[in-house]
Amino acid sequence: ATDVAAWEAAVKPTTKLMFIETPS
């Protein structure tokens, strides 16, 4: 939830939605 770089690395051509709870 807190590693922005991990979100960037997980992106694929088919990525359409990113979902978070904050605070979790």
mmCIF file of all heavy atoms, coordinates in Angstrom:
data_MODEL
# 
_entry.id   MODEL 
# 
loop_
_atom_site.group_PDB 
_atom_site.id 
_atom_site.type_symbol 
_atom_site.label_atom_id 
_atom_site.label_alt_id 
_atom_site.label_comp_id 
_atom_site.label_asym_id 
_atom_site.label_entity_id 
_atom_site.label_seq_id 
_atom_site.pdbx_PDB_ins_code 
_atom_site.Cartn_x 
_atom_site.Cartn_y 
_atom_site.Cartn_z 
_atom_site.occupancy 
_atom_site.B_iso_or_equiv 
_atom_site.pdbx_formal_charge 
_atom_site.auth_seq_id 
_atom_site.auth_comp_id 
_atom_site.auth_asym_id 
_atom_site.auth_atom_id 
_atom_site.pdbx_PDB_model_num 
ATOM 1   N N   . ALA A 1 1  ? 0.816   -1.215 0.000   1.00 0.00 ? 1  ALA A N   1 
ATOM 2   C CA  . ALA A 1 1  ? 0.000   0.000  0.000   1.00 0.00 ? 1  ALA A CA  1 
ATOM 3   C C   . ALA A 1 1  ? 0.848   1.263  0.000   1.00 0.00 ? 1  ALA A C   1 
ATOM 4   O O   . ALA A 1 1  ? 0.388   2.327  -0.422  1.00 0.00 ? 1  ALA A O   1 
ATOM 5   C CB  . ALA A 1 1  ? -0.917  0.005  1.228   1.00 0.00 ? 1  ALA A CB  1 
ATOM 6   N N   . THR A 1 2  ? 2.090   1.150  0.444   1.00 0.00 ? 2  THR A N   1 
ATOM 7   C CA  . THR A 1 2  ? 2.909   2.341  0.666   1.00 0.00 ? 2  THR A CA  1 
ATOM 8   C C   . THR A 1 2  ? 4.107   2.459  -0.271  1.00 0.00 ? 2  THR A C   1 
ATOM 9   O O   . THR A 1 2  ? 4.812   3.463  -0.225  1.00 0.00 ? 2  THR A O   1 
ATOM 10  C CB  . THR A 1 2  ? 3.426   2.348  2.119   1.00 0.00 ? 2  THR A CB  1 
ATOM 11  O OG1 . THR A 1 2  ? 4.212   1.163  2.358   1.00 0.00 ? 2  THR A OG1 1 
ATOM 12  C CG2 . THR A 1 2  ? 2.264   2.367  3.102   1.00 0.00 ? 2  THR A CG2 1 
ATOM 13  N N   . ASP A 1 3  ? 4.333   1.486  -1.131  1.00 0.00 ? 3  ASP A N   1 
ATOM 14  C CA  . ASP A 1 3  ? 5.494   1.483  -2.034  1.00 0.00 ? 3  ASP A CA  1 
ATOM 15  C C   . ASP A 1 3  ? 5.046   1.896  -3.434  1.00 0.00 ? 3  ASP A C   1 
ATOM 16  O O   . ASP A 1 3  ? 4.588   1.068  -4.226  1.00 0.00 ? 3  ASP A O   1 
ATOM 17  C CB  . ASP A 1 3  ? 6.134   0.095  -2.050  1.00 0.00 ? 3  ASP A CB  1 
ATOM 18  C CG  . ASP A 1 3  ? 7.419   0.039  -2.854  1.00 0.00 ? 3  ASP A CG  1 
ATOM 19  O OD1 . ASP A 1 3  ? 7.761   1.042  -3.517  1.00 0.00 ? 3  ASP A OD1 1 
ATOM 20  O OD2 . ASP A 1 3  ? 8.080   -1.016 -2.839  1.00 0.00 ? 3  ASP A OD2 1 
ATOM 21  N N   . VAL A 1 4  ? 5.195   3.168  -3.753  1.00 0.00 ? 4  VAL A N   1 
ATOM 22  C CA  . VAL A 1 4  ? 4.731   3.682  -5.046  1.00 0.00 ? 4  VAL A CA  1 
ATOM 23  C C   . VAL A 1 4  ? 5.465   2.999  -6.195  1.00 0.00 ? 4  VAL A C   1 
ATOM 24  O O   . VAL A 1 4  ? 4.877   2.698  -7.243  1.00 0.00 ? 4  VAL A O   1 
ATOM 25  C CB  . VAL A 1 4  ? 4.917   5.211  -5.109  1.00 0.00 ? 4  VAL A CB  1 
ATOM 26  C CG1 . VAL A 1 4  ? 4.536   5.744  -6.489  1.00 0.00 ? 4  VAL A CG1 1 
ATOM 27  C CG2 . VAL A 1 4  ? 4.069   5.885  -4.036  1.00 0.00 ? 4  VAL A CG2 1 
ATOM 28  N N   . ALA A 1 5  ? 6.730   2.703  -5.998  1.00 0.00 ? 5  ALA A N   1 
ATOM 29  C CA  . ALA A 1 5  ? 7.520   2.043  -7.042  1.00 0.00 ? 5  ALA A CA  1 
ATOM 30  C C   . ALA A 1 5  ? 6.960   0.664  -7.375  1.00 0.00 ? 5  ALA A C   1 
ATOM 31  O O   . ALA A 1 5  ? 7.006   0.224  -8.533  1.00 0.00 ? 5  ALA A O   1 
ATOM 32  C CB  . ALA A 1 5  ? 8.974   1.928  -6.613  1.00 0.00 ? 5  ALA A CB  1 
ATOM 33  N N   . ALA A 1 6  ? 6.416   -0.022 -6.371  1.00 0.00 ? 6  ALA A N   1 
ATOM 34  C CA  . ALA A 1 6  ? 5.830   -1.344 -6.606  1.00 0.00 ? 6  ALA A CA  1 
ATOM 35  C C   . ALA A 1 6  ? 4.594   -1.233 -7.489  1.00 0.00 ? 6  ALA A C   1 
ATOM 36  O O   . ALA A 1 6  ? 4.332   -2.117 -8.313  1.00 0.00 ? 6  ALA A O   1 
ATOM 37  C CB  . ALA A 1 6  ? 5.473   -2.001 -5.277  1.00 0.00 ? 6  ALA A CB  1 
ATOM 38  N N   . TRP A 1 7  ? 3.827   -0.173 -7.342  1.00 0.00 ? 7  TRP A N   1 
ATOM 39  C CA  . TRP A 1 7  ? 2.656   0.052  -8.196  1.00 0.00 ? 7  TRP A CA  1 
ATOM 40  C C   . TRP A 1 7  ? 3.108   0.311  -9.634  1.00 0.00 ? 7  TRP A C   1 
ATOM 41  O O   . TRP A 1 7  ? 2.523   -0.224 -10.582 1.00 0.00 ? 7  TRP A O   1 
ATOM 42  C CB  . TRP A 1 7  ? 1.835   1.225  -7.676  1.00 0.00 ? 7  TRP A CB  1 
ATOM 43  C CG  . TRP A 1 7  ? 1.143   0.945  -6.383  1.00 0.00 ? 7  TRP A CG  1 
ATOM 44  C CD1 . TRP A 1 7  ? 1.706   0.944  -5.138  1.00 0.00 ? 7  TRP A CD1 1 
ATOM 45  C CD2 . TRP A 1 7  ? -0.227  0.601  -6.186  1.00 0.00 ? 7  TRP A CD2 1 
ATOM 46  N NE1 . TRP A 1 7  ? 0.767   0.623  -4.184  1.00 0.00 ? 7  TRP A NE1 1 
ATOM 47  C CE2 . TRP A 1 7  ? -0.423  0.420  -4.796  1.00 0.00 ? 7  TRP A CE2 1 
ATOM 48  C CE3 . TRP A 1 7  ? -1.309  0.448  -7.039  1.00 0.00 ? 7  TRP A CE3 1 
ATOM 49  C CZ2 . TRP A 1 7  ? -1.664  0.081  -4.256  1.00 0.00 ? 7  TRP A CZ2 1 
ATOM 50  C CZ3 . TRP A 1 7  ? -2.552  0.113  -6.506  1.00 0.00 ? 7  TRP A CZ3 1 
ATOM 51  C CH2 . TRP A 1 7  ? -2.723  -0.076 -5.131  1.00 0.00 ? 7  TRP A CH2 1 
ATOM 52  N N   . GLU A 1 8  ? 4.140   1.110  -9.793  1.00 0.00 ? 8  GLU A N   1 
ATOM 53  C CA  . GLU A 1 8  ? 4.659   1.390  -11.135 1.00 0.00 ? 8  GLU A CA  1 
ATOM 54  C C   . GLU A 1 8  ? 5.146   0.113  -11.799 1.00 0.00 ? 8  GLU A C   1 
ATOM 55  O O   . GLU A 1 8  ? 4.900   -0.130 -12.993 1.00 0.00 ? 8  GLU A O   1 
ATOM 56  C CB  . GLU A 1 8  ? 5.792   2.409  -11.047 1.00 0.00 ? 8  GLU A CB  1 
ATOM 57  C CG  . GLU A 1 8  ? 5.350   3.803  -10.646 1.00 0.00 ? 8  GLU A CG  1 
ATOM 58  C CD  . GLU A 1 8  ? 6.498   4.771  -10.532 1.00 0.00 ? 8  GLU A CD  1 
ATOM 59  O OE1 . GLU A 1 8  ? 7.497   4.424  -9.864  1.00 0.00 ? 8  GLU A OE1 1 
ATOM 60  O OE2 . GLU A 1 8  ? 6.418   5.865  -11.118 1.00 0.00 ? 8  GLU A OE2 1 
ATOM 61  N N   . ALA A 1 9  ? 5.837   -0.731 -11.025 1.00 0.00 ? 9  ALA A N   1 
ATOM 62  C CA  . ALA A 1 9  ? 6.390   -1.969 -11.573 1.00 0.00 ? 9  ALA A CA  1 
ATOM 63  C C   . ALA A 1 9  ? 5.307   -2.975 -11.933 1.00 0.00 ? 9  ALA A C   1 
ATOM 64  O O   . ALA A 1 9  ? 5.519   -3.840 -12.794 1.00 0.00 ? 9  ALA A O   1 
ATOM 65  C CB  . ALA A 1 9  ? 7.362   -2.590 -10.563 1.00 0.00 ? 9  ALA A CB  1 
ATOM 66  N N   . ALA A 1 10 ? 4.140   -2.880 -11.293 1.00 0.00 ? 10 ALA A N   1 
ATOM 67  C CA  . ALA A 1 10 ? 3.063   -3.844 -11.527 1.00 0.00 ? 10 ALA A CA  1 
ATOM 68  C C   . ALA A 1 10 ? 2.201   -3.503 -12.736 1.00 0.00 ? 10 ALA A C   1 
ATOM 69  O O   . ALA A 1 10 ? 1.372   -4.311 -13.162 1.00 0.00 ? 10 ALA A O   1 
ATOM 70  C CB  . ALA A 1 10 ? 2.180   -3.938 -10.288 1.00 0.00 ? 10 ALA A CB  1 
ATOM 71  N N   . VAL A 1 11 ? 2.391   -2.322 -13.318 1.00 0.00 ? 11 VAL A N   1 
ATOM 72  C CA  . VAL A 1 11 ? 1.565   -1.895 -14.446 1.00 0.00 ? 11 VAL A CA  1 
ATOM 73  C C   . VAL A 1 11 ? 1.792   -2.787 -15.663 1.00 0.00 ? 11 VAL A C   1 
ATOM 74  O O   . VAL A 1 11 ? 2.913   -3.140 -16.004 1.00 0.00 ? 11 VAL A O   1 
ATOM 75  C CB  . VAL A 1 11 ? 1.855   -0.424 -14.806 1.00 0.00 ? 11 VAL A CB  1 
ATOM 76  C CG1 . VAL A 1 11 ? 1.168   -0.038 -16.123 1.00 0.00 ? 11 VAL A CG1 1 
ATOM 77  C CG2 . VAL A 1 11 ? 1.391   0.500  -13.684 1.00 0.00 ? 11 VAL A CG2 1 
ATOM 78  N N   . LYS A 1 12 ? 0.677   -3.158 -16.308 1.00 0.00 ? 12 LYS A N   1 
ATOM 79  C CA  . LYS A 1 12 ? 0.702   -3.939 -17.540 1.00 0.00 ? 12 LYS A CA  1 
ATOM 80  C C   . LYS A 1 12 ? -0.063  -3.180 -18.622 1.00 0.00 ? 12 LYS A C   1 
ATOM 81  O O   . LYS A 1 12 ? -0.807  -2.231 -18.301 1.00 0.00 ? 12 LYS A O   1 
ATOM 82  C CB  . LYS A 1 12 ? 0.033   -5.312 -17.325 1.00 0.00 ? 12 LYS A CB  1 
ATOM 83  C CG  . LYS A 1 12 ? 0.693   -6.200 -16.298 1.00 0.00 ? 12 LYS A CG  1 
ATOM 84  C CD  . LYS A 1 12 ? -0.060  -7.527 -16.203 1.00 0.00 ? 12 LYS A CD  1 
ATOM 85  C CE  . LYS A 1 12 ? 0.606   -8.481 -15.213 1.00 0.00 ? 12 LYS A CE  1 
ATOM 86  N NZ  . LYS A 1 12 ? -0.100  -9.790 -15.175 1.00 0.00 ? 12 LYS A NZ  1 
ATOM 87  N N   . PRO A 1 13 ? 0.077   -3.566 -19.864 1.00 0.00 ? 13 PRO A N   1 
ATOM 88  C CA  . PRO A 1 13 ? -0.726  -2.924 -20.918 1.00 0.00 ? 13 PRO A CA  1 
ATOM 89  C C   . PRO A 1 13 ? -2.225  -3.046 -20.686 1.00 0.00 ? 13 PRO A C   1 
ATOM 90  O O   . PRO A 1 13 ? -3.003  -2.217 -21.166 1.00 0.00 ? 13 PRO A O   1 
ATOM 91  C CB  . PRO A 1 13 ? -0.298  -3.673 -22.186 1.00 0.00 ? 13 PRO A CB  1 
ATOM 92  C CG  . PRO A 1 13 ? 1.070   -4.177 -21.888 1.00 0.00 ? 13 PRO A CG  1 
ATOM 93  C CD  . PRO A 1 13 ? 1.064   -4.511 -20.426 1.00 0.00 ? 13 PRO A CD  1 
ATOM 94  N N   . THR A 1 14 ? -2.629  -4.075 -19.943 1.00 0.00 ? 14 THR A N   1 
ATOM 95  C CA  . THR A 1 14 ? -4.062  -4.309 -19.698 1.00 0.00 ? 14 THR A CA  1 
ATOM 96  C C   . THR A 1 14 ? -4.549  -3.699 -18.383 1.00 0.00 ? 14 THR A C   1 
ATOM 97  O O   . THR A 1 14 ? -5.711  -3.891 -18.002 1.00 0.00 ? 14 THR A O   1 
ATOM 98  C CB  . THR A 1 14 ? -4.350  -5.811 -19.671 1.00 0.00 ? 14 THR A CB  1 
ATOM 99  O OG1 . THR A 1 14 ? -3.476  -6.441 -18.710 1.00 0.00 ? 14 THR A OG1 1 
ATOM 100 C CG2 . THR A 1 14 ? -4.135  -6.430 -21.041 1.00 0.00 ? 14 THR A CG2 1 
ATOM 101 N N   . THR A 1 15 ? -3.684  -2.980 -17.651 1.00 0.00 ? 15 THR A N   1 
ATOM 102 C CA  . THR A 1 15 ? -4.079  -2.392 -16.375 1.00 0.00 ? 15 THR A CA  1 
ATOM 103 C C   . THR A 1 15 ? -5.122  -1.301 -16.594 1.00 0.00 ? 15 THR A C   1 
ATOM 104 O O   . THR A 1 15 ? -4.886  -0.334 -17.312 1.00 0.00 ? 15 THR A O   1 
ATOM 105 C CB  . THR A 1 15 ? -2.862  -1.798 -15.639 1.00 0.00 ? 15 THR A CB  1 
ATOM 106 O OG1 . THR A 1 15 ? -1.892  -2.823 -15.417 1.00 0.00 ? 15 THR A OG1 1 
ATOM 107 C CG2 . THR A 1 15 ? -3.289  -1.210 -14.301 1.00 0.00 ? 15 THR A CG2 1 
ATOM 108 N N   . LYS A 1 16 ? -6.280  -1.453 -15.963 1.00 0.00 ? 16 LYS A N   1 
ATOM 109 C CA  . LYS A 1 16 ? -7.366  -0.487 -16.109 1.00 0.00 ? 16 LYS A CA  1 
ATOM 110 C C   . LYS A 1 16 ? -7.764  0.171  -14.785 1.00 0.00 ? 16 LYS A C   1 
ATOM 111 O O   . LYS A 1 16 ? -8.354  1.250  -14.790 1.00 0.00 ? 16 LYS A O   1 
ATOM 112 C CB  . LYS A 1 16 ? -8.605  -1.178 -16.698 1.00 0.00 ? 16 LYS A CB  1 
ATOM 113 C CG  . LYS A 1 16 ? -8.428  -1.670 -18.127 1.00 0.00 ? 16 LYS A CG  1 
ATOM 114 C CD  . LYS A 1 16 ? -8.278  -0.521 -19.109 1.00 0.00 ? 16 LYS A CD  1 
ATOM 115 C CE  . LYS A 1 16 ? -8.073  -1.021 -20.528 1.00 0.00 ? 16 LYS A CE  1 
ATOM 116 N NZ  . LYS A 1 16 ? -9.229  -1.803 -21.019 1.00 0.00 ? 16 LYS A NZ  1 
ATOM 117 N N   . LEU A 1 17 ? -7.453  -0.488 -13.666 1.00 0.00 ? 17 LEU A N   1 
ATOM 118 C CA  . LEU A 1 17 ? -7.915  0.026  -12.377 1.00 0.00 ? 17 LEU A CA  1 
ATOM 119 C C   . LEU A 1 17 ? -6.850  -0.197 -11.312 1.00 0.00 ? 17 LEU A C   1 
ATOM 120 O O   . LEU A 1 17 ? -6.217  -1.251 -11.258 1.00 0.00 ? 17 LEU A O   1 
ATOM 121 C CB  . LEU A 1 17 ? -9.210  -0.683 -11.955 1.00 0.00 ? 17 LEU A CB  1 
ATOM 122 C CG  . LEU A 1 17 ? -9.828  -0.262 -10.612 1.00 0.00 ? 17 LEU A CG  1 
ATOM 123 C CD1 . LEU A 1 17 ? -10.389 1.163  -10.696 1.00 0.00 ? 17 LEU A CD1 1 
ATOM 124 C CD2 . LEU A 1 17 ? -10.922 -1.243 -10.184 1.00 0.00 ? 17 LEU A CD2 1 
ATOM 125 N N   . MET A 1 18 ? -6.666  0.825  -10.462 1.00 0.00 ? 18 MET A N   1 
ATOM 126 C CA  . MET A 1 18 ? -5.838  0.702  -9.264  1.00 0.00 ? 18 MET A CA  1 
ATOM 127 C C   . MET A 1 18 ? -6.748  0.970  -8.068  1.00 0.00 ? 18 MET A C   1 
ATOM 128 O O   . MET A 1 18 ? -7.534  1.921  -8.077  1.00 0.00 ? 18 MET A O   1 
ATOM 129 C CB  . MET A 1 18 ? -4.674  1.689  -9.320  1.00 0.00 ? 18 MET A CB  1 
ATOM 130 C CG  . MET A 1 18 ? -3.685  1.364  -10.430 1.00 0.00 ? 18 MET A CG  1 
ATOM 131 S SD  . MET A 1 18 ? -2.496  2.695  -10.802 1.00 0.00 ? 18 MET A SD  1 
ATOM 132 C CE  . MET A 1 18 ? -1.829  3.039  -9.182  1.00 0.00 ? 18 MET A CE  1 
ATOM 133 N N   . PHE A 1 19 ? -6.656  0.111  -7.048  1.00 0.00 ? 19 PHE A N   1 
ATOM 134 C CA  . PHE A 1 19 ? -7.618  0.178  -5.939  1.00 0.00 ? 19 PHE A CA  1 
ATOM 135 C C   . PHE A 1 19 ? -6.885  0.176  -4.605  1.00 0.00 ? 19 PHE A C   1 
ATOM 136 O O   . PHE A 1 19 ? -6.068  -0.706 -4.329  1.00 0.00 ? 19 PHE A O   1 
ATOM 137 C CB  . PHE A 1 19 ? -8.577  -1.014 -5.995  1.00 0.00 ? 19 PHE A CB  1 
ATOM 138 C CG  . PHE A 1 19 ? -9.744  -0.888 -5.058  1.00 0.00 ? 19 PHE A CG  1 
ATOM 139 C CD1 . PHE A 1 19 ? -10.931 -0.327 -5.494  1.00 0.00 ? 19 PHE A CD1 1 
ATOM 140 C CD2 . PHE A 1 19 ? -9.649  -1.299 -3.742  1.00 0.00 ? 19 PHE A CD2 1 
ATOM 141 C CE1 . PHE A 1 19 ? -12.011 -0.192 -4.627  1.00 0.00 ? 19 PHE A CE1 1 
ATOM 142 C CE2 . PHE A 1 19 ? -10.709 -1.170 -2.863  1.00 0.00 ? 19 PHE A CE2 1 
ATOM 143 C CZ  . PHE A 1 19 ? -11.901 -0.615 -3.313  1.00 0.00 ? 19 PHE A CZ  1 
ATOM 144 N N   . ILE A 1 20 ? -7.210  1.181  -3.765  1.00 0.00 ? 20 ILE A N   1 
ATOM 145 C CA  . ILE A 1 20 ? -6.593  1.272  -2.440  1.00 0.00 ? 20 ILE A CA  1 
ATOM 146 C C   . ILE A 1 20 ? -7.640  1.597  -1.382  1.00 0.00 ? 20 ILE A C   1 
ATOM 147 O O   . ILE A 1 20 ? -8.700  2.148  -1.675  1.00 0.00 ? 20 ILE A O   1 
ATOM 148 C CB  . ILE A 1 20 ? -5.490  2.356  -2.374  1.00 0.00 ? 20 ILE A CB  1 
ATOM 149 C CG1 . ILE A 1 20 ? -6.047  3.736  -2.748  1.00 0.00 ? 20 ILE A CG1 1 
ATOM 150 C CG2 . ILE A 1 20 ? -4.311  1.984  -3.235  1.00 0.00 ? 20 ILE A CG2 1 
ATOM 151 C CD1 . ILE A 1 20 ? -5.072  4.874  -2.516  1.00 0.00 ? 20 ILE A CD1 1 
ATOM 152 N N   . GLU A 1 21 ? -7.314  1.236  -0.137  1.00 0.00 ? 21 GLU A N   1 
ATOM 153 C CA  . GLU A 1 21 ? -7.969  1.767  1.051   1.00 0.00 ? 21 GLU A CA  1 
ATOM 154 C C   . GLU A 1 21 ? -6.922  2.616  1.760   1.00 0.00 ? 21 GLU A C   1 
ATOM 155 O O   . GLU A 1 21 ? -5.793  2.162  1.936   1.00 0.00 ? 21 GLU A O   1 
ATOM 156 C CB  . GLU A 1 21 ? -8.380  0.659  2.025   1.00 0.00 ? 21 GLU A CB  1 
ATOM 157 C CG  . GLU A 1 21 ? -9.423  -0.282 1.545   1.00 0.00 ? 21 GLU A CG  1 
ATOM 158 C CD  . GLU A 1 21 ? -9.587  -1.460 2.535   1.00 0.00 ? 21 GLU A CD  1 
ATOM 159 O OE1 . GLU A 1 21 ? -8.905  -1.449 3.588   1.00 0.00 ? 21 GLU A OE1 1 
ATOM 160 O OE2 . GLU A 1 21 ? -10.359 -2.360 2.235   1.00 0.00 ? 21 GLU A OE2 1 
ATOM 161 N N   . THR A 1 22 ? -7.274  3.801  2.149   1.00 0.00 ? 22 THR A N   1 
ATOM 162 C CA  . THR A 1 22 ? -6.338  4.591  2.945   1.00 0.00 ? 22 THR A CA  1 
ATOM 163 C C   . THR A 1 22 ? -7.104  5.478  3.907   1.00 0.00 ? 22 THR A C   1 
ATOM 164 O O   . THR A 1 22 ? -7.949  6.256  3.473   1.00 0.00 ? 22 THR A O   1 
ATOM 165 C CB  . THR A 1 22 ? -5.364  5.410  2.060   1.00 0.00 ? 22 THR A CB  1 
ATOM 166 O OG1 . THR A 1 22 ? -4.437  6.104  2.899   1.00 0.00 ? 22 THR A OG1 1 
ATOM 167 C CG2 . THR A 1 22 ? -6.059  6.375  1.119   1.00 0.00 ? 22 THR A CG2 1 
ATOM 168 N N   . PRO A 1 23 ? -6.852  5.304  5.220   1.00 0.00 ? 23 PRO A N   1 
ATOM 169 C CA  . PRO A 1 23 ? -6.014  4.290  5.843   1.00 0.00 ? 23 PRO A CA  1 
ATOM 170 C C   . PRO A 1 23 ? -6.577  2.882  5.595   1.00 0.00 ? 23 PRO A C   1 
ATOM 171 O O   . PRO A 1 23 ? -7.764  2.715  5.387   1.00 0.00 ? 23 PRO A O   1 
ATOM 172 C CB  . PRO A 1 23 ? -6.055  4.640  7.329   1.00 0.00 ? 23 PRO A CB  1 
ATOM 173 C CG  . PRO A 1 23 ? -6.460  6.079  7.379   1.00 0.00 ? 23 PRO A CG  1 
ATOM 174 C CD  . PRO A 1 23 ? -7.376  6.268  6.209   1.00 0.00 ? 23 PRO A CD  1 
ATOM 175 N N   . SER A 1 24 ? -5.677  1.903  5.663   1.00 0.00 ? 24 SER A N   1 
ATOM 176 C CA  . SER A 1 24 ? -6.073  0.537  5.344   1.00 0.00 ? 24 SER A CA  1 
ATOM 177 C C   . SER A 1 24 ? -6.734  -0.149 6.530   1.00 0.00 ? 24 SER A C   1 
ATOM 178 O O   . SER A 1 24 ? -6.581  0.266  7.679   1.00 0.00 ? 24 SER A O   1 
ATOM 179 C CB  . SER A 1 24 ? -4.843  -0.268 4.903   1.00 0.00 ? 24 SER A CB  1 
ATOM 180 O OG  . SER A 1 24 ? -3.966  -0.465 6.002   1.00 0.00 ? 24 SER A OG  1 
# 
